[in-house]
Amino acid sequence: MSPVTIKSKDLPKILHQKAGLAASAFVTVRFEKNLITLTPQSALERAITEGLEDLRQGRTYGPFTAKQLDTFLDKHKIGIAKRTRNRT
C-alpha cells in the first residue's frame, strides 16, 4: 500500500509514543491476514515518495534549453551555487 501520514488524532497517543512516531509521522501501511503493520519512513523515503507522486500527477517542468532554464530559474528565484574551477 502507499505511504500515508498518520496524525496524532488517527492513533491513540499511547500508540504513538510506544511506536516512537512523531506528531505527523509518514508511514507505510501493510495488511497481512489479520495484522496491520505501520513502518515509519525516513525523510529521504518521504521525499522520494512525494517526488514520484508529483511525477504521476504530471507536476513537472521542462525539458529546457539552456536559455529557457535561465529564464525559469530567474522567474522562480531559484539560485544555483556558482562553481569555481581550479585551473593549474
N, C-alpha and C. Protein backbone atom coordinates (compact mmCIF):
# COMPACT_ATOMS: atom_id res chain seq x y z
N MET A 1 0.84 -1.18 0.00
CA MET A 1 0.00 0.00 0.00
C MET A 1 0.89 1.24 0.00
N SER A 2 0.34 2.36 -0.41
CA SER A 2 1.08 3.61 -0.48
C SER A 2 1.37 4.14 0.92
N PRO A 3 2.43 4.94 1.02
CA PRO A 3 2.72 5.59 2.30
C PRO A 3 1.62 6.60 2.64
N VAL A 4 1.34 6.75 3.90
CA VAL A 4 0.32 7.69 4.37
C VAL A 4 0.87 8.46 5.56
N THR A 5 0.25 9.60 5.85
CA THR A 5 0.61 10.38 7.03
C THR A 5 -0.34 10.01 8.16
N ILE A 6 0.23 9.61 9.28
CA ILE A 6 -0.56 9.27 10.46
C ILE A 6 -0.45 10.42 11.44
N LYS A 7 -1.57 11.05 11.76
CA LYS A 7 -1.58 12.16 12.71
C LYS A 7 -1.99 11.65 14.07
N SER A 8 -1.70 12.46 15.08
CA SER A 8 -1.99 12.03 16.45
C SER A 8 -3.47 11.77 16.68
N LYS A 9 -4.35 12.42 15.92
CA LYS A 9 -5.78 12.17 16.09
C LYS A 9 -6.20 10.82 15.49
N ASP A 10 -5.36 10.25 14.59
CA ASP A 10 -5.70 8.99 13.94
C ASP A 10 -5.37 7.77 14.80
N LEU A 11 -4.38 7.90 15.66
CA LEU A 11 -3.99 6.81 16.56
C LEU A 11 -3.97 7.36 17.98
N PRO A 12 -4.34 6.54 18.94
CA PRO A 12 -4.26 7.00 20.32
C PRO A 12 -2.83 7.42 20.68
N LYS A 13 -2.70 8.41 21.55
CA LYS A 13 -1.41 8.96 21.94
C LYS A 13 -0.46 7.87 22.48
N ILE A 14 -0.98 6.93 23.22
CA ILE A 14 -0.13 5.88 23.79
C ILE A 14 0.51 5.03 22.69
N LEU A 15 -0.22 4.78 21.60
CA LEU A 15 0.35 4.02 20.49
C LEU A 15 1.42 4.82 19.76
N HIS A 16 1.18 6.12 19.61
CA HIS A 16 2.19 7.00 19.01
C HIS A 16 3.49 6.94 19.80
N GLN A 17 3.36 7.03 21.12
CA GLN A 17 4.54 7.03 21.98
C GLN A 17 5.26 5.68 21.93
N LYS A 18 4.53 4.60 22.04
CA LYS A 18 5.15 3.26 22.03
C LYS A 18 5.83 2.97 20.70
N ALA A 19 5.25 3.46 19.61
CA ALA A 19 5.83 3.21 18.29
C ALA A 19 6.95 4.19 17.97
N GLY A 20 7.08 5.24 18.78
CA GLY A 20 8.12 6.24 18.53
C GLY A 20 7.81 7.11 17.32
N LEU A 21 6.53 7.35 17.05
CA LEU A 21 6.13 8.15 15.90
C LEU A 21 6.03 9.62 16.27
N ALA A 22 6.40 10.48 15.33
CA ALA A 22 6.25 11.93 15.52
C ALA A 22 4.78 12.29 15.39
N ALA A 23 4.46 13.57 15.63
CA ALA A 23 3.07 14.01 15.60
C ALA A 23 2.39 13.73 14.26
N SER A 24 3.09 13.96 13.17
CA SER A 24 2.55 13.66 11.84
C SER A 24 3.50 12.73 11.11
N ALA A 25 3.61 11.52 11.59
CA ALA A 25 4.55 10.56 11.05
C ALA A 25 4.12 10.08 9.67
N PHE A 26 5.09 9.84 8.82
CA PHE A 26 4.86 9.31 7.48
C PHE A 26 5.19 7.84 7.53
N VAL A 27 4.20 6.99 7.30
CA VAL A 27 4.40 5.55 7.46
C VAL A 27 3.89 4.79 6.23
N THR A 28 4.41 3.58 6.07
CA THR A 28 3.88 2.66 5.08
C THR A 28 3.00 1.67 5.82
N VAL A 29 1.82 1.42 5.29
CA VAL A 29 0.86 0.52 5.94
C VAL A 29 0.80 -0.78 5.14
N ARG A 30 0.95 -1.91 5.83
CA ARG A 30 0.83 -3.22 5.18
C ARG A 30 -0.23 -4.03 5.90
N PHE A 31 -1.05 -4.69 5.12
CA PHE A 31 -2.09 -5.55 5.66
C PHE A 31 -1.74 -6.99 5.34
N GLU A 32 -1.64 -7.85 6.35
CA GLU A 32 -1.36 -9.27 6.17
C GLU A 32 -2.32 -10.06 7.05
N LYS A 33 -3.21 -10.79 6.41
CA LYS A 33 -4.24 -11.57 7.11
C LYS A 33 -4.95 -10.68 8.11
N ASN A 34 -4.77 -10.90 9.41
CA ASN A 34 -5.44 -10.07 10.41
C ASN A 34 -4.45 -9.17 11.15
N LEU A 35 -3.37 -8.77 10.45
CA LEU A 35 -2.33 -7.96 11.06
C LEU A 35 -2.10 -6.70 10.23
N ILE A 36 -2.03 -5.55 10.88
CA ILE A 36 -1.72 -4.29 10.23
C ILE A 36 -0.35 -3.85 10.72
N THR A 37 0.57 -3.58 9.78
CA THR A 37 1.92 -3.17 10.13
C THR A 37 2.16 -1.74 9.66
N LEU A 38 2.56 -0.87 10.58
CA LEU A 38 2.92 0.51 10.26
C LEU A 38 4.44 0.61 10.34
N THR A 39 5.08 1.02 9.24
CA THR A 39 6.53 1.15 9.21
C THR A 39 6.88 2.62 8.96
N PRO A 40 7.53 3.28 9.94
CA PRO A 40 7.90 4.69 9.74
C PRO A 40 8.88 4.83 8.57
N GLN A 41 8.77 5.94 7.84
CA GLN A 41 9.67 6.21 6.73
C GLN A 41 10.61 7.35 7.11
N SER A 42 11.82 7.30 6.56
CA SER A 42 12.78 8.36 6.81
C SER A 42 12.41 9.57 5.97
N ALA A 43 13.06 10.70 6.24
CA ALA A 43 12.81 11.92 5.47
C ALA A 43 13.15 11.71 4.00
N LEU A 44 14.21 10.95 3.74
CA LEU A 44 14.60 10.67 2.35
C LEU A 44 13.53 9.85 1.63
N GLU A 45 13.04 8.80 2.30
CA GLU A 45 11.99 7.98 1.69
C GLU A 45 10.74 8.81 1.43
N ARG A 46 10.44 9.71 2.35
CA ARG A 46 9.26 10.56 2.19
C ARG A 46 9.44 11.48 0.99
N ALA A 47 10.63 12.09 0.85
CA ALA A 47 10.89 13.00 -0.27
C ALA A 47 10.81 12.26 -1.60
N ILE A 48 11.34 11.04 -1.64
CA ILE A 48 11.28 10.23 -2.87
C ILE A 48 9.83 9.90 -3.21
N THR A 49 9.06 9.49 -2.22
CA THR A 49 7.65 9.15 -2.43
C THR A 49 6.88 10.35 -2.94
N GLU A 50 7.11 11.52 -2.34
CA GLU A 50 6.41 12.73 -2.78
C GLU A 50 6.82 13.12 -4.19
N GLY A 51 8.11 12.97 -4.51
CA GLY A 51 8.59 13.28 -5.85
C GLY A 51 7.98 12.37 -6.90
N LEU A 52 7.89 11.09 -6.58
CA LEU A 52 7.27 10.14 -7.52
C LEU A 52 5.79 10.46 -7.72
N GLU A 53 5.12 10.86 -6.64
CA GLU A 53 3.71 11.24 -6.76
C GLU A 53 3.56 12.48 -7.63
N ASP A 54 4.48 13.44 -7.49
CA ASP A 54 4.45 14.62 -8.36
C ASP A 54 4.58 14.20 -9.82
N LEU A 55 5.46 13.27 -10.12
CA LEU A 55 5.62 12.79 -11.49
C LEU A 55 4.34 12.13 -12.00
N ARG A 56 3.72 11.30 -11.15
CA ARG A 56 2.48 10.63 -11.55
C ARG A 56 1.37 11.64 -11.83
N GLN A 57 1.35 12.73 -11.07
CA GLN A 57 0.32 13.75 -11.23
C GLN A 57 0.65 14.75 -12.34
N GLY A 58 1.82 14.60 -12.94
CA GLY A 58 2.21 15.50 -14.03
C GLY A 58 2.73 16.85 -13.57
N ARG A 59 3.11 16.96 -12.30
CA ARG A 59 3.64 18.23 -11.79
C ARG A 59 5.15 18.27 -12.03
N THR A 60 5.50 18.56 -13.28
CA THR A 60 6.91 18.62 -13.66
C THR A 60 7.14 19.84 -14.53
N TYR A 61 8.38 20.18 -14.74
CA TYR A 61 8.80 21.29 -15.60
C TYR A 61 9.80 20.75 -16.60
N GLY A 62 9.84 21.39 -17.76
CA GLY A 62 10.87 21.04 -18.73
C GLY A 62 10.33 20.17 -19.83
N PRO A 63 11.14 19.74 -20.76
CA PRO A 63 12.59 19.97 -20.86
C PRO A 63 12.89 21.40 -21.27
N PHE A 64 14.08 21.87 -20.93
CA PHE A 64 14.50 23.23 -21.17
C PHE A 64 15.74 23.28 -22.05
N THR A 65 15.83 24.36 -22.83
CA THR A 65 17.12 24.71 -23.43
C THR A 65 17.86 25.48 -22.34
N ALA A 66 19.12 25.76 -22.52
CA ALA A 66 19.90 26.49 -21.51
C ALA A 66 19.29 27.86 -21.26
N LYS A 67 18.88 28.55 -22.31
CA LYS A 67 18.30 29.89 -22.16
C LYS A 67 16.95 29.81 -21.43
N GLN A 68 16.12 28.83 -21.78
CA GLN A 68 14.83 28.66 -21.10
C GLN A 68 15.03 28.34 -19.63
N LEU A 69 16.06 27.55 -19.33
CA LEU A 69 16.35 27.20 -17.93
C LEU A 69 16.73 28.44 -17.15
N ASP A 70 17.59 29.29 -17.71
CA ASP A 70 17.97 30.54 -17.03
C ASP A 70 16.74 31.40 -16.76
N THR A 71 15.87 31.53 -17.75
CA THR A 71 14.64 32.32 -17.59
C THR A 71 13.75 31.74 -16.50
N PHE A 72 13.59 30.41 -16.50
CA PHE A 72 12.76 29.74 -15.49
C PHE A 72 13.33 29.97 -14.10
N LEU A 73 14.63 29.79 -13.94
CA LEU A 73 15.25 29.94 -12.62
C LEU A 73 15.14 31.38 -12.13
N ASP A 74 15.32 32.34 -13.04
CA ASP A 74 15.17 33.75 -12.65
C ASP A 74 13.73 34.05 -12.24
N LYS A 75 12.77 33.55 -13.01
CA LYS A 75 11.35 33.81 -12.73
C LYS A 75 10.95 33.25 -11.37
N HIS A 76 11.45 32.07 -11.03
CA HIS A 76 11.09 31.42 -9.78
C HIS A 76 12.09 31.69 -8.66
N LYS A 77 13.03 32.58 -8.94
CA LYS A 77 14.04 32.99 -7.95
C LYS A 77 14.76 31.80 -7.34
N ILE A 78 15.18 30.90 -8.20
CA ILE A 78 15.93 29.72 -7.77
C ILE A 78 17.38 29.96 -8.13
N GLY A 79 18.22 30.02 -7.13
CA GLY A 79 19.64 30.28 -7.37
C GLY A 79 20.42 28.98 -7.50
N ILE A 80 21.48 29.06 -8.25
CA ILE A 80 22.39 27.93 -8.39
C ILE A 80 23.75 28.38 -7.88
N ALA A 81 24.32 27.61 -7.00
CA ALA A 81 25.65 27.95 -6.48
C ALA A 81 26.65 27.94 -7.63
N LYS A 82 27.44 28.99 -7.67
CA LYS A 82 28.43 29.08 -8.73
C LYS A 82 29.64 28.25 -8.35
N ARG A 83 30.12 27.49 -9.32
CA ARG A 83 31.30 26.68 -9.08
C ARG A 83 32.51 27.44 -9.59
N THR A 84 33.59 27.24 -8.90
CA THR A 84 34.84 27.80 -9.39
C THR A 84 35.73 26.65 -9.78
N ARG A 85 36.40 26.81 -10.87
CA ARG A 85 37.29 25.76 -11.31
C ARG A 85 38.70 26.07 -10.88
N ASN A 86 39.36 25.07 -10.44
CA ASN A 86 40.78 25.20 -10.09
C ASN A 86 41.60 24.82 -11.31
N ARG A 87 42.05 25.81 -11.99
CA ARG A 87 42.86 25.54 -13.16
C ARG A 87 44.32 25.74 -12.80
N THR A 88 45.08 24.74 -13.11
CA THR A 88 46.52 24.84 -12.81
C THR A 88 47.34 24.81 -14.04
